[in-house]
Amino acid sequence: MANNKTTQQPRKLSKRQRRNKLIIYIMIAAMVLSTLTMGLSYLI
């Protein structure tokens, strides 16, 4: 993951990389939702 920028083809994203990116986005969204719900529960 360190020196892959030199030989980078923008078209070729492997399925594993796309799935990893999707999982990261889902985890971030879940963290934001959990913090929002925690704040709401503290307010109520």
Protein backbone atom coordinates (compact mmCIF):
# COMPACT_ATOMS: atom_id res chain seq x y z
CA MET A 1 0.00 0.00 0.00
CA ALA A 2 3.03 2.27 0.34
CA ASN A 3 4.49 2.57 -3.16
CA ASN A 4 1.51 1.72 -5.35
CA LYS A 5 1.06 5.30 -6.49
CA THR A 6 3.81 5.08 -9.10
CA THR A 7 2.09 2.40 -11.19
CA GLN A 8 -1.50 3.47 -10.70
CA GLN A 9 -4.18 2.70 -13.25
CA PRO A 10 -7.27 4.77 -12.39
CA ARG A 11 -9.58 2.39 -14.23
CA LYS A 12 -8.54 -0.79 -12.46
CA LEU A 13 -9.96 -1.05 -8.97
CA SER A 14 -10.12 -4.62 -7.78
CA LYS A 15 -13.28 -5.93 -6.19
CA ARG A 16 -11.51 -6.38 -2.88
CA GLN A 17 -10.41 -2.74 -2.76
CA ARG A 18 -13.90 -1.52 -3.62
CA ARG A 19 -15.42 -3.76 -0.95
CA ASN A 20 -12.90 -2.53 1.62
CA LYS A 21 -13.74 1.09 0.77
CA LEU A 22 -17.45 0.32 1.07
CA ILE A 23 -16.91 -1.36 4.46
CA ILE A 24 -14.94 1.67 5.67
CA TYR A 25 -17.74 4.03 4.57
CA ILE A 26 -20.33 1.84 6.33
CA MET A 27 -18.25 1.78 9.53
CA ILE A 28 -17.89 5.58 9.50
CA ALA A 29 -21.63 6.00 8.93
CA ALA A 30 -22.36 3.58 11.77
CA MET A 31 -20.05 5.48 14.11
CA VAL A 32 -21.70 8.79 13.24
CA LEU A 33 -25.16 7.32 13.73
CA SER A 34 -24.20 5.78 17.07
CA THR A 35 -22.77 9.06 18.34
CA LEU A 36 -25.88 10.91 17.18
CA THR A 37 -28.19 8.46 18.93
CA MET A 38 -26.06 8.65 22.09
CA GLY A 39 -26.33 12.44 22.07
CA LEU A 40 -30.07 12.25 21.55
CA SER A 41 -30.45 9.79 24.40
CA TYR A 42 -28.46 12.14 26.66
CA LEU A 43 -30.71 15.03 25.67
CA ILE A 44 -33.83 13.03 26.45
